[in-house]
């Protein structure tokens, strides 16, 4: 049942994130480098450990391309539609993630391990 709580937290956090992104992305100018610097400082402060990229280079390449393009599309959508509409569309990410885990990774969240 923990997954349901995490899914609800994800939907709430995503809703807040979309409203903040909409406010920050009103103009065509965005301060992505400032955000990257904040995230980098936080990662270094918390003890960032580099993942083994050399073992799975294709996976990391696909992760970078897909996540980056998804982020760009979300920012562009927030520039064209209202934050309330974007929240409805993007809040389904947690549901899609859960369904993808069930289908592709054969993760059964409803069953407790024996």
PDB file of N, CA and C in Angstrom:
ATOM      1  N   UNK A   1       0.813  -1.192   0.000  1.00  0.00           N
ATOM      2  CA  UNK A   1       0.000   0.000   0.000  1.00  0.00           C
ATOM      3  C   UNK A   1       0.860   1.260   0.000  1.00  0.00           C
ATOM      4  N   UNK A   2       2.182   1.125   0.254  1.00  0.00           N
ATOM      5  CA  UNK A   2       3.066   2.286   0.238  1.00  0.00           C
ATOM      6  C   UNK A   2       3.108   2.946  -1.127  1.00  0.00           C
ATOM      7  N   UNK A   3       2.975   2.162  -2.196  1.00  0.00           N
ATOM      8  CA  UNK A   3       3.040   2.718  -3.537  1.00  0.00           C
ATOM      9  C   UNK A   3       1.903   3.701  -3.789  1.00  0.00           C
ATOM     10  N   UNK A   4       0.750   3.470  -3.172  1.00  0.00           N
ATOM     11  CA  UNK A   4      -0.375   4.384  -3.351  1.00  0.00           C
ATOM     12  C   UNK A   4      -0.082   5.736  -2.700  1.00  0.00           C
ATOM     13  N   UNK A   5       0.529   5.700  -1.541  1.00  0.00           N
ATOM     14  CA  UNK A   5       0.909   6.942  -0.856  1.00  0.00           C
ATOM     15  C   UNK A   5       1.934   7.694  -1.690  1.00  0.00           C
ATOM     16  N   UNK A   6       2.916   6.976  -2.225  1.00  0.00           N
ATOM     17  CA  UNK A   6       3.931   7.624  -3.052  1.00  0.00           C
ATOM     18  C   UNK A   6       3.329   8.173  -4.336  1.00  0.00           C
ATOM     19  N   UNK A   7       2.368   7.486  -4.911  1.00  0.00           N
ATOM     20  CA  UNK A   7       1.704   7.983  -6.115  1.00  0.00           C
ATOM     21  C   UNK A   7       0.930   9.269  -5.810  1.00  0.00           C
ATOM     22  N   UNK A   8       0.257   9.313  -4.667  1.00  0.00           N
ATOM     23  CA  UNK A   8      -0.463  10.534  -4.287  1.00  0.00           C
ATOM     24  C   UNK A   8       0.494  11.692  -4.026  1.00  0.00           C
ATOM     25  N   UNK A   9       1.611  11.410  -3.361  1.00  0.00           N
ATOM     26  CA  UNK A   9       2.622  12.448  -3.135  1.00  0.00           C
ATOM     27  C   UNK A   9       3.167  12.945  -4.464  1.00  0.00           C
ATOM     28  N   UNK A  10       3.357  12.037  -5.404  1.00  0.00           N
ATOM     29  CA  UNK A  10       3.845  12.412  -6.723  1.00  0.00           C
ATOM     30  C   UNK A  10       2.873  13.327  -7.442  1.00  0.00           C
ATOM     31  N   UNK A  11       1.598  13.021  -7.378  1.00  0.00           N
ATOM     32  CA  UNK A  11       0.592  13.860  -8.042  1.00  0.00           C
ATOM     33  C   UNK A  11       0.549  15.251  -7.415  1.00  0.00           C
ATOM     34  N   UNK A  12       0.598  15.329  -6.100  1.00  0.00           N
ATOM     35  CA  UNK A  12       0.560  16.623  -5.418  1.00  0.00           C
ATOM     36  C   UNK A  12       1.819  17.433  -5.729  1.00  0.00           C
ATOM     37  N   UNK A  13       2.981  16.797  -5.657  1.00  0.00           N
ATOM     38  CA  UNK A  13       4.232  17.499  -5.949  1.00  0.00           C
ATOM     39  C   UNK A  13       4.282  17.946  -7.401  1.00  0.00           C
ATOM     40  N   UNK A  14       3.768  17.135  -8.293  1.00  0.00           N
ATOM     41  CA  UNK A  14       3.751  17.498  -9.707  1.00  0.00           C
ATOM     42  C   UNK A  14       2.814  18.672  -9.973  1.00  0.00           C
ATOM     43  N   UNK A  15       1.712  18.718  -9.270  1.00  0.00           N
ATOM     44  CA  UNK A  15       0.791  19.844  -9.422  1.00  0.00           C
ATOM     45  C   UNK A  15       1.454  21.151  -8.990  1.00  0.00           C
ATOM     46  N   UNK A  16       2.122  21.116  -7.856  1.00  0.00           N
ATOM     47  CA  UNK A  16       2.843  22.302  -7.378  1.00  0.00           C
ATOM     48  C   UNK A  16       3.957  22.674  -8.350  1.00  0.00           C
ATOM     49  N   UNK A  17       4.663  21.670  -8.860  1.00  0.00           N
ATOM     50  CA  UNK A  17       5.745  21.906  -9.807  1.00  0.00           C
ATOM     51  C   UNK A  17       5.235  22.563 -11.083  1.00  0.00           C
ATOM     52  N   UNK A  18       4.094  22.102 -11.584  1.00  0.00           N
ATOM     53  CA  UNK A  18       3.553  22.684 -12.814  1.00  0.00           C
ATOM     54  C   UNK A  18       3.154  24.144 -12.626  1.00  0.00           C
ATOM     55  N   UNK A  19       2.574  24.460 -11.492  1.00  0.00           N
ATOM     56  CA  UNK A  19       2.201  25.850 -11.239  1.00  0.00           C
ATOM     57  C   UNK A  19       3.456  26.724 -11.160  1.00  0.00           C
ATOM     58  N   UNK A  20       4.478  26.253 -10.462  1.00  0.00           N
ATOM     59  CA  UNK A  20       5.727  27.018 -10.373  1.00  0.00           C
ATOM     60  C   UNK A  20       6.400  27.148 -11.735  1.00  0.00           C
ATOM     61  N   UNK A  21       6.405  26.070 -12.517  1.00  0.00           N
ATOM     62  CA  UNK A  21       7.003  26.134 -13.845  1.00  0.00           C
ATOM     63  C   UNK A  21       6.247  27.123 -14.729  1.00  0.00           C
ATOM     64  N   UNK A  22       4.944  27.116 -14.615  1.00  0.00           N
ATOM     65  CA  UNK A  22       4.140  28.040 -15.424  1.00  0.00           C
ATOM     66  C   UNK A  22       4.481  29.490 -15.068  1.00  0.00           C
ATOM     67  N   UNK A  23       4.630  29.761 -13.798  1.00  0.00           N
ATOM     68  CA  UNK A  23       4.972  31.124 -13.373  1.00  0.00           C
ATOM     69  C   UNK A  23       6.372  31.500 -13.849  1.00  0.00           C
ATOM     70  N   UNK A  24       7.319  30.579 -13.730  1.00  0.00           N
ATOM     71  CA  UNK A  24       8.692  30.882 -14.096  1.00  0.00           C
ATOM     72  C   UNK A  24       8.926  30.902 -15.600  1.00  0.00           C
ATOM     73  N   UNK A  25       8.068  30.217 -16.359  1.00  0.00           N
ATOM     74  CA  UNK A  25       8.268  30.112 -17.797  1.00  0.00           C
ATOM     75  C   UNK A  25       7.350  31.047 -18.589  1.00  0.00           C
ATOM     76  N   UNK A  26       6.860  32.107 -17.974  1.00  0.00           N
ATOM     77  CA  UNK A  26       5.999  33.054 -18.691  1.00  0.00           C
ATOM     78  C   UNK A  26       6.731  33.667 -19.873  1.00  0.00           C
ATOM     79  N   UNK A  27       7.950  34.039 -19.669  1.00  0.00           N
ATOM     80  CA  UNK A  27       8.746  34.645 -20.726  1.00  0.00           C
ATOM     81  C   UNK A  27       9.465  33.561 -21.511  1.00  0.00           C
ATOM     82  N   UNK A  28      10.000  33.951 -22.652  1.00  0.00           N
ATOM     83  CA  UNK A  28      10.811  33.008 -23.421  1.00  0.00           C
ATOM     84  C   UNK A  28      12.165  32.782 -22.774  1.00  0.00           C
ATOM     85  N   UNK A  29      12.565  33.731 -21.924  1.00  0.00           N
ATOM     86  CA  UNK A  29      13.838  33.575 -21.222  1.00  0.00           C
ATOM     87  C   UNK A  29      13.643  32.623 -20.044  1.00  0.00           C
ATOM     88  N   UNK A  30      14.520  31.677 -19.918  1.00  0.00           N
ATOM     89  CA  UNK A  30      14.486  30.800 -18.750  1.00  0.00           C
ATOM     90  C   UNK A  30      15.892  30.683 -18.191  1.00  0.00           C
ATOM     91  N   UNK A  31      15.985  30.494 -16.919  1.00  0.00           N
ATOM     92  CA  UNK A  31      17.275  30.432 -16.254  1.00  0.00           C
ATOM     93  C   UNK A  31      17.601  28.980 -15.920  1.00  0.00           C
ATOM     94  N   UNK A  32      17.745  28.162 -16.964  1.00  0.00           N
ATOM     95  CA  UNK A  32      18.008  26.736 -16.777  1.00  0.00           C
ATOM     96  C   UNK A  32      19.377  26.507 -16.142  1.00  0.00           C
ATOM     97  N   UNK A  33      20.339  27.348 -16.454  1.00  0.00           N
ATOM     98  CA  UNK A  33      21.674  27.174 -15.884  1.00  0.00           C
ATOM     99  C   UNK A  33      21.660  27.417 -14.381  1.00  0.00           C
ATOM    100  N   UNK A  34      20.847  28.353 -13.930  1.00  0.00           N
ATOM    101  CA  UNK A  34      20.721  28.607 -12.502  1.00  0.00           C
ATOM    102  C   UNK A  34      20.123  27.387 -11.799  1.00  0.00           C
ATOM    103  N   UNK A  35      19.103  26.798 -12.407  1.00  0.00           N
ATOM    104  CA  UNK A  35      18.494  25.582 -11.840  1.00  0.00           C
ATOM    105  C   UNK A  35      19.494  24.432 -11.816  1.00  0.00           C
ATOM    106  N   UNK A  36      20.259  24.277 -12.893  1.00  0.00           N
ATOM    107  CA  UNK A  36      21.259  23.212 -12.948  1.00  0.00           C
ATOM    108  C   UNK A  36      22.330  23.414 -11.875  1.00  0.00           C
ATOM    109  N   UNK A  37      22.698  24.658 -11.629  1.00  0.00           N
ATOM    110  CA  UNK A  37      23.696  24.938 -10.592  1.00  0.00           C
ATOM    111  C   UNK A  37      23.156  24.586  -9.211  1.00  0.00           C
ATOM    112  N   UNK A  38      21.901  24.917  -8.944  1.00  0.00           N
ATOM    113  CA  UNK A  38      21.305  24.588  -7.650  1.00  0.00           C
ATOM    114  C   UNK A  38      21.239  23.075  -7.455  1.00  0.00           C
ATOM    115  N   UNK A  39      20.815  22.368  -8.492  1.00  0.00           N
ATOM    116  CA  UNK A  39      20.729  20.904  -8.405  1.00  0.00           C
ATOM    117  C   UNK A  39      22.112  20.293  -8.219  1.00  0.00           C
ATOM    118  N   UNK A  40      23.111  20.832  -8.927  1.00  0.00           N
ATOM    119  CA  UNK A  40      24.478  20.312  -8.796  1.00  0.00           C
ATOM    120  C   UNK A  40      25.021  20.528  -7.390  1.00  0.00           C
ATOM    121  N   UNK A  41      24.789  21.707  -6.842  1.00  0.00           N
ATOM    122  CA  UNK A  41      25.252  21.968  -5.478  1.00  0.00           C
ATOM    123  C   UNK A  41      24.564  21.049  -4.467  1.00  0.00           C
ATOM    124  N   UNK A  42      23.277  20.832  -4.648  1.00  0.00           N
ATOM    125  CA  UNK A  42      22.556  19.930  -3.749  1.00  0.00           C
ATOM    126  C   UNK A  42      23.091  18.500  -3.864  1.00  0.00           C
ATOM    127  N   UNK A  43      23.355  18.046  -5.093  1.00  0.00           N
ATOM    128  CA  UNK A  43      23.883  16.695  -5.294  1.00  0.00           C
ATOM    129  C   UNK A  43      25.259  16.547  -4.658  1.00  0.00           C
ATOM    130  N   UNK A  44      26.102  17.545  -4.812  1.00  0.00           N
ATOM    131  CA  UNK A  44      27.428  17.481  -4.199  1.00  0.00           C
ATOM    132  C   UNK A  44      27.341  17.537  -2.679  1.00  0.00           C
ATOM    133  N   UNK A  45      26.433  18.333  -2.171  1.00  0.00           N
ATOM    134  CA  UNK A  45      26.252  18.446  -0.724  1.00  0.00           C
ATOM    135  C   UNK A  45      25.756  17.143  -0.124  1.00  0.00           C
ATOM    136  N   UNK A  46      24.859  16.438  -0.808  1.00  0.00           N
ATOM    137  CA  UNK A  46      24.299  15.188  -0.299  1.00  0.00           C
ATOM    138  C   UNK A  46      25.171  13.973  -0.605  1.00  0.00           C
ATOM    139  N   UNK A  47      26.255  14.145  -1.330  1.00  0.00           N
ATOM    140  CA  UNK A  47      27.155  13.037  -1.610  1.00  0.00           C
ATOM    141  C   UNK A  47      26.803  12.285  -2.887  1.00  0.00           C
ATOM    142  N   UNK A  48      26.929  12.962  -4.016  1.00  0.00           N
ATOM    143  CA  UNK A  48      26.604  12.365  -5.306  1.00  0.00           C
ATOM    144  C   UNK A  48      27.644  11.320  -5.679  1.00  0.00           C
ATOM    145  N   UNK A  49      27.184  10.167  -6.131  1.00  0.00           N
ATOM    146  CA  UNK A  49      28.061   9.101  -6.608  1.00  0.00           C
ATOM    147  C   UNK A  49      27.705   8.844  -8.064  1.00  0.00           C
ATOM    148  N   UNK A  50      28.699   8.907  -8.928  1.00  0.00           N
ATOM    149  CA  UNK A  50      28.460   8.728 -10.357  1.00  0.00           C
ATOM    150  C   UNK A  50      28.056   7.290 -10.654  1.00  0.00           C
ATOM    151  N   UNK A  51      26.984   7.074 -11.410  1.00  0.00           N
ATOM    152  CA  UNK A  51      26.569   5.714 -11.756  1.00  0.00           C
ATOM    153  C   UNK A  51      27.539   5.090 -12.765  1.00  0.00           C
ATOM    154  N   UNK A  52      27.509   3.772 -12.910  1.00  0.00           N
ATOM    155  CA  UNK A  52      28.448   3.094 -13.829  1.00  0.00           C
ATOM    156  C   UNK A  52      28.015   3.254 -15.289  1.00  0.00           C
ATOM    157  N   UNK A  53      28.304   4.404 -15.870  1.00  0.00           N
ATOM    158  CA  UNK A  53      27.876   4.698 -17.233  1.00  0.00           C
ATOM    159  C   UNK A  53      28.544   3.771 -18.248  1.00  0.00           C
ATOM    160  N   UNK A  54      29.769   3.370 -18.005  1.00  0.00           N
ATOM    161  CA  UNK A  54      30.485   2.536 -18.970  1.00  0.00           C
ATOM    162  C   UNK A  54      29.892   1.138 -19.097  1.00  0.00           C
ATOM    163  N   UNK A  55      29.155   0.690 -18.098  1.00  0.00           N
ATOM    164  CA  UNK A  55      28.553  -0.651 -18.161  1.00  0.00           C
ATOM    165  C   UNK A  55      27.281  -0.673 -19.003  1.00  0.00           C
ATOM    166  N   UNK A  56      26.533   0.426 -19.001  1.00  0.00           N
ATOM    167  CA  UNK A  56      25.272   0.488 -19.736  1.00  0.00           C
ATOM    168  C   UNK A  56      25.168   1.796 -20.527  1.00  0.00           C
ATOM    169  N   UNK A  57      26.034   2.001 -21.516  1.00  0.00           N
ATOM    170  CA  UNK A  57      26.043   3.298 -22.201  1.00  0.00           C
ATOM    171  C   UNK A  57      24.761   3.567 -22.995  1.00  0.00           C
ATOM    172  N   UNK A  58      24.180   2.561 -23.629  1.00  0.00           N
ATOM    173  CA  UNK A  58      22.964   2.772 -24.411  1.00  0.00           C
ATOM    174  C   UNK A  58      21.797   3.180 -23.507  1.00  0.00           C
ATOM    175  N   UNK A  59      21.700   2.555 -22.356  1.00  0.00           N
ATOM    176  CA  UNK A  59      20.628   2.903 -21.425  1.00  0.00           C
ATOM    177  C   UNK A  59      20.747   4.348 -20.952  1.00  0.00           C
ATOM    178  N   UNK A  60      21.951   4.779 -20.640  1.00  0.00           N
ATOM    179  CA  UNK A  60      22.143   6.151 -20.179  1.00  0.00           C
ATOM    180  C   UNK A  60      21.918   7.153 -21.308  1.00  0.00           C
ATOM    181  N   UNK A  61      22.300   6.786 -22.529  1.00  0.00           N
ATOM    182  CA  UNK A  61      22.039   7.659 -23.673  1.00  0.00           C
ATOM    183  C   UNK A  61      20.543   7.818 -23.896  1.00  0.00           C
ATOM    184  N   UNK A  62      19.812   6.700 -23.885  1.00  0.00           N
ATOM    185  CA  UNK A  62      18.361   6.768 -24.059  1.00  0.00           C
ATOM    186  C   UNK A  62      17.696   7.531 -22.920  1.00  0.00           C
ATOM    187  N   UNK A  63      18.165   7.322 -21.703  1.00  0.00           N
ATOM    188  CA  UNK A  63      17.629   8.050 -20.552  1.00  0.00           C
ATOM    189  C   UNK A  63      17.809   9.550 -20.736  1.00  0.00           C
ATOM    190  N   UNK A  64      18.983   9.952 -21.168  1.00  0.00           N
ATOM    191  CA  UNK A  64      19.260  11.369 -21.365  1.00  0.00           C
ATOM    192  C   UNK A  64      18.386  11.975 -22.454  1.00  0.00           C
ATOM    193  N   UNK A  65      18.291  11.289 -23.576  1.00  0.00           N
ATOM    194  CA  UNK A  65      17.507  11.814 -24.701  1.00  0.00           C
ATOM    195  C   UNK A  65      16.024  11.865 -24.351  1.00  0.00           C
ATOM    196  N   UNK A  66      15.488  10.790 -23.802  1.00  0.00           N
ATOM    197  CA  UNK A  66      14.057  10.740 -23.514  1.00  0.00           C
ATOM    198  C   UNK A  66      13.668  11.695 -22.388  1.00  0.00           C
ATOM    199  N   UNK A  67      14.456  11.738 -21.326  1.00  0.00           N
ATOM    200  CA  UNK A  67      14.134  12.640 -20.215  1.00  0.00           C
ATOM    201  C   UNK A  67      14.282  14.099 -20.631  1.00  0.00           C
ATOM    202  N   UNK A  68      15.359  14.390 -21.365  1.00  0.00           N
ATOM    203  CA  UNK A  68      15.564  15.762 -21.828  1.00  0.00           C
ATOM    204  C   UNK A  68      14.467  16.229 -22.767  1.00  0.00           C
ATOM    205  N   UNK A  69      14.085  15.387 -23.720  1.00  0.00           N
ATOM    206  CA  UNK A  69      13.015  15.784 -24.638  1.00  0.00           C
ATOM    207  C   UNK A  69      11.679  15.892 -23.913  1.00  0.00           C
ATOM    208  N   UNK A  70      11.422  15.034 -22.953  1.00  0.00           N
ATOM    209  CA  UNK A  70      10.201  15.137 -22.171  1.00  0.00           C
ATOM    210  C   UNK A  70      10.133  16.438 -21.388  1.00  0.00           C
ATOM    211  N   UNK A  71      11.252  16.840 -20.816  1.00  0.00           N
ATOM    212  CA  UNK A  71      11.303  18.092 -20.070  1.00  0.00           C
ATOM    213  C   UNK A  71      11.080  19.291 -20.984  1.00  0.00           C
ATOM    214  N   UNK A  72      11.700  19.270 -22.155  1.00  0.00           N
ATOM    215  CA  UNK A  72      11.508  20.366 -23.115  1.00  0.00           C
ATOM    216  C   UNK A  72      10.045  20.450 -23.540  1.00  0.00           C
ATOM    217  N   UNK A  73       9.429  19.302 -23.818  1.00  0.00           N
ATOM    218  CA  UNK A  73       8.023  19.303 -24.235  1.00  0.00           C
ATOM    219  C   UNK A  73       7.101  19.790 -23.125  1.00  0.00           C
ATOM    220  N   UNK A  74       7.409  19.452 -21.886  1.00  0.00           N
ATOM    221  CA  UNK A  74       6.590  19.939 -20.768  1.00  0.00           C
ATOM    222  C   UNK A  74       6.707  21.456 -20.648  1.00  0.00           C
ATOM    223  N   UNK A  75       7.937  21.989 -20.765  1.00  0.00           N
ATOM    224  CA  UNK A  75       8.118  23.436 -20.690  1.00  0.00           C
ATOM    225  C   UNK A  75       7.393  24.145 -21.828  1.00  0.00           C
ATOM    226  N   UNK A  76       7.472  23.582 -23.032  1.00  0.00           N
ATOM    227  CA  UNK A  76       6.775  24.192 -24.165  1.00  0.00           C
ATOM    228  C   UNK A  76       5.261  24.128 -23.964  1.00  0.00           C
ATOM    229  N   UNK A  77       4.770  23.025 -23.443  1.00  0.00           N
ATOM    230  CA  UNK A  77       3.332  22.904 -23.192  1.00  0.00           C
ATOM    231  C   UNK A  77       2.890  23.925 -22.152  1.00  0.00           C
ATOM    232  N   UNK A  78       3.708  24.152 -21.142  1.00  0.00           N
ATOM    233  CA  UNK A  78       3.362  25.130 -20.110  1.00  0.00           C
ATOM    234  C   UNK A  78       3.352  26.556 -20.647  1.00  0.00           C
ATOM    235  N   UNK A  79       4.078  26.802 -21.726  1.00  0.00           N
ATOM    236  CA  UNK A  79       4.046  28.129 -22.326  1.00  0.00           C
ATOM    237  C   UNK A  79       2.770  28.348 -23.135  1.00  0.00           C
ATOM    238  N   UNK A  80       2.156  27.268 -23.622  1.00  0.00           N
ATOM    239  CA  UNK A  80       0.999  27.399 -24.510  1.00  0.00           C
ATOM    240  C   UNK A  80      -0.347  27.126 -23.840  1.00  0.00           C
ATOM    241  N   UNK A  81      -0.370  26.292 -22.806  1.00  0.00           N
ATOM    242  CA  UNK A  81      -1.642  25.968 -22.160  1.00  0.00           C
ATOM    243  C   UNK A  81      -1.606  26.416 -20.706  1.00  0.00           C
ATOM    244  N   UNK A  82      -2.751  26.414 -20.091  1.00  0.00           N
ATOM    245  CA  UNK A  82      -2.858  26.815 -18.686  1.00  0.00           C
ATOM    246  C   UNK A  82      -2.227  25.764 -17.777  1.00  0.00           C
ATOM    247  N   UNK A  83      -1.810  26.202 -16.604  1.00  0.00           N
ATOM    248  CA  UNK A  83      -1.178  25.292 -15.648  1.00  0.00           C
ATOM    249  C   UNK A  83      -2.154  24.220 -15.181  1.00  0.00           C
ATOM    250  N   UNK A  84      -3.443  24.547 -15.082  1.00  0.00           N
ATOM    251  CA  UNK A  84      -4.424  23.561 -14.649  1.00  0.00           C
ATOM    252  C   UNK A  84      -4.566  22.441 -15.674  1.00  0.00           C
ATOM    253  N   UNK A  85      -4.535  22.784 -16.965  1.00  0.00           N
ATOM    254  CA  UNK A  85      -4.614  21.765 -18.006  1.00  0.00           C
ATOM    255  C   UNK A  85      -3.349  20.903 -18.030  1.00  0.00           C
ATOM    256  N   UNK A  86      -2.198  21.548 -17.860  1.00  0.00           N
ATOM    257  CA  UNK A  86      -0.938  20.807 -17.855  1.00  0.00           C
ATOM    258  C   UNK A  86      -0.856  19.879 -16.656  1.00  0.00           C
ATOM    259  N   UNK A  87      -1.407  20.290 -15.533  1.00  0.00           N
ATOM    260  CA  UNK A  87      -1.400  19.442 -14.339  1.00  0.00           C
ATOM    261  C   UNK A  87      -2.211  18.182 -14.569  1.00  0.00           C
ATOM    262  N   UNK A  88      -3.345  18.323 -15.206  1.00  0.00           N
ATOM    263  CA  UNK A  88      -4.166  17.151 -15.491  1.00  0.00           C
ATOM    264  C   UNK A  88      -3.430  16.197 -16.416  1.00  0.00           C
ATOM    265  N   UNK A  89      -2.774  16.741 -17.433  1.00  0.00           N
ATOM    266  CA  UNK A  89      -2.067  15.889 -18.384  1.00  0.00           C
ATOM    267  C   UNK A  89      -0.834  15.227 -17.775  1.00  0.00           C
ATOM    268  N   UNK A  90      -0.060  15.995 -17.014  1.00  0.00           N
ATOM    269  CA  UNK A  90       1.187  15.447 -16.490  1.00  0.00           C
ATOM    270  C   UNK A  90       1.018  14.663 -15.194  1.00  0.00           C
ATOM    271  N   UNK A  91      -0.117  14.817 -14.537  1.00  0.00           N
ATOM    272  CA  UNK A  91      -0.331  14.049 -13.306  1.00  0.00           C
ATOM    273  C   UNK A  91      -0.494  12.563 -13.599  1.00  0.00           C
ATOM    274  N   UNK A  92      -0.751  12.243 -14.828  1.00  0.00           N
ATOM    275  CA  UNK A  92      -0.888  10.828 -15.184  1.00  0.00           C
ATOM    276  C   UNK A  92       0.471  10.130 -15.279  1.00  0.00           C
ATOM    277  N   UNK A  93       1.565  10.875 -15.107  1.00  0.00           N
ATOM    278  CA  UNK A  93       2.898  10.257 -15.186  1.00  0.00           C
ATOM    279  C   UNK A  93       3.086   9.150 -14.158  1.00  0.00           C
ATOM    280  N   UNK A  94       2.609   9.378 -12.944  1.00  0.00           N
ATOM    281  CA  UNK A  94       2.799   8.344 -11.919  1.00  0.00           C
ATOM    282  C   UNK A  94       1.999   7.091 -12.251  1.00  0.00           C
ATOM    283  N   UNK A  95       0.816   7.264 -12.803  1.00  0.00           N
ATOM    284  CA  UNK A  95       0.010   6.099 -13.193  1.00  0.00           C
ATOM    285  C   UNK A  95       0.678   5.364 -14.348  1.00  0.00           C
ATOM    286  N   UNK A  96       1.198   6.112 -15.319  1.00  0.00           N
ATOM    287  CA  UNK A  96       1.892   5.486 -16.446  1.00  0.00           C
ATOM    288  C   UNK A  96       3.150   4.776 -15.977  1.00  0.00           C
ATOM    289  N   UNK A  97       3.856   5.345 -15.006  1.00  0.00           N
ATOM    290  CA  UNK A  97       5.051   4.698 -14.464  1.00  0.00           C
ATOM    291  C   UNK A  97       4.699   3.379 -13.789  1.00  0.00           C
ATOM    292  N   UNK A  98       3.637   3.371 -13.014  1.00  0.00           N
ATOM    293  CA  UNK A  98       3.220   2.153 -12.331  1.00  0.00           C
ATOM    294  C   UNK A  98       2.800   1.089 -13.346  1.00  0.00           C
ATOM    295  N   UNK A  99       2.019   1.482 -14.333  1.00  0.00           N
ATOM    296  CA  UNK A  99       1.595   0.520 -15.356  1.00  0.00           C
ATOM    297  C   UNK A  99       2.766   0.008 -16.181  1.00  0.00           C
ATOM    298  N   UNK A 100       3.724   0.887 -16.485  1.00  0.00           N
ATOM    299  CA  UNK A 100       4.917   0.460 -17.220  1.00  0.00           C
ATOM    300  C   UNK A 100       5.736  -0.537 -16.409  1.00  0.00           C
ATOM    301  N   UNK A 101       5.855  -0.306 -15.113  1.00  0.00           N
ATOM    302  CA  UNK A 101       6.575  -1.249 -14.253  1.00  0.00           C
ATOM    303  C   UNK A 101       5.876  -2.603 -14.233  1.00  0.00           C
ATOM    304  N   UNK A 102       4.556  -2.579 -14.210  1.00  0.00           N
ATOM    305  CA  UNK A 102       3.817  -3.840 -14.229  1.00  0.00           C
ATOM    306  C   UNK A 102       4.013  -4.586 -15.542  1.00  0.00           C
ATOM    307  N   UNK A 103       3.970  -3.867 -16.650  1.00  0.00           N
ATOM    308  CA  UNK A 103       4.034  -4.509 -17.961  1.00  0.00           C
ATOM    309  C   UNK A 103       5.453  -4.909 -18.335  1.00  0.00           C
ATOM    310  N   UNK A 104       6.386  -3.961 -18.276  1.00  0.00           N
ATOM    311  CA  UNK A 104       7.727  -4.209 -18.796  1.00  0.00           C
ATOM    312  C   UNK A 104       8.679  -4.840 -17.788  1.00  0.00           C
ATOM    313  N   UNK A 105       8.551  -4.496 -16.521  1.00  0.00           N
ATOM    314  CA  UNK A 105       9.478  -5.004 -15.519  1.00  0.00           C
ATOM    315  C   UNK A 105       8.894  -6.143 -14.701  1.00  0.00           C
ATOM    316  N   UNK A 106       7.628  -6.449 -14.927  1.00  0.00           N
ATOM    317  CA  UNK A 106       6.932  -7.514 -14.198  1.00  0.00           C
ATOM    318  C   UNK A 106       6.994  -7.295 -12.692  1.00  0.00           C
ATOM    319  N   UNK A 107       6.824  -6.039 -12.291  1.00  0.00           N
ATOM    320  CA  UNK A 107       6.796  -5.680 -10.882  1.00  0.00           C
ATOM    321  C   UNK A 107       5.346  -5.688 -10.449  1.00  0.00           C
ATOM    322  N   UNK A 108       5.045  -6.521  -9.478  1.00  0.00           N
ATOM    323  CA  UNK A 108       3.673  -6.621  -8.986  1.00  0.00           C
ATOM    324  C   UNK A 108       3.601  -5.919  -7.638  1.00  0.00           C
ATOM    325  N   UNK A 109       3.078  -4.716  -7.667  1.00  0.00           N
ATOM    326  CA  UNK A 109       3.049  -3.869  -6.485  1.00  0.00           C
ATOM    327  C   UNK A 109       1.963  -4.288  -5.494  1.00  0.00           C
ATOM    328  N   UNK A 110       1.008  -5.050  -5.965  1.00  0.00           N
ATOM    329  CA  UNK A 110      -0.117  -5.406  -5.119  1.00  0.00           C
ATOM    330  C   UNK A 110       0.175  -6.639  -4.256  1.00  0.00           C
ATOM    331  N   UNK A 111       1.179  -7.402  -4.637  1.00  0.00           N
ATOM    332  CA  UNK A 111       1.489  -8.638  -3.928  1.00  0.00           C
ATOM    333  C   UNK A 111       2.668  -8.419  -2.998  1.00  0.00           C
ATOM    334  N   UNK A 112       2.563  -8.937  -1.804  1.00  0.00           N
ATOM    335  CA  UNK A 112       3.671  -8.852  -0.855  1.00  0.00           C
ATOM    336  C   UNK A 112       4.628 -10.009  -1.117  1.00  0.00           C
ATOM    337  N   UNK A 113       5.927  -9.765  -0.961  1.00  0.00           N
ATOM    338  CA  UNK A 113       6.897 -10.857  -1.184  1.00  0.00           C
ATOM    339  C   UNK A 113       6.733 -11.949  -0.134  1.00  0.00           C
ATOM    340  N   UNK A 114       7.023 -13.160  -0.560  1.00  0.00           N
ATOM    341  CA  UNK A 114       6.884 -14.317   0.355  1.00  0.00           C
ATOM    342  C   UNK A 114       8.101 -14.477   1.212  1.00  0.00           C
TER     343      UNK A 114
END
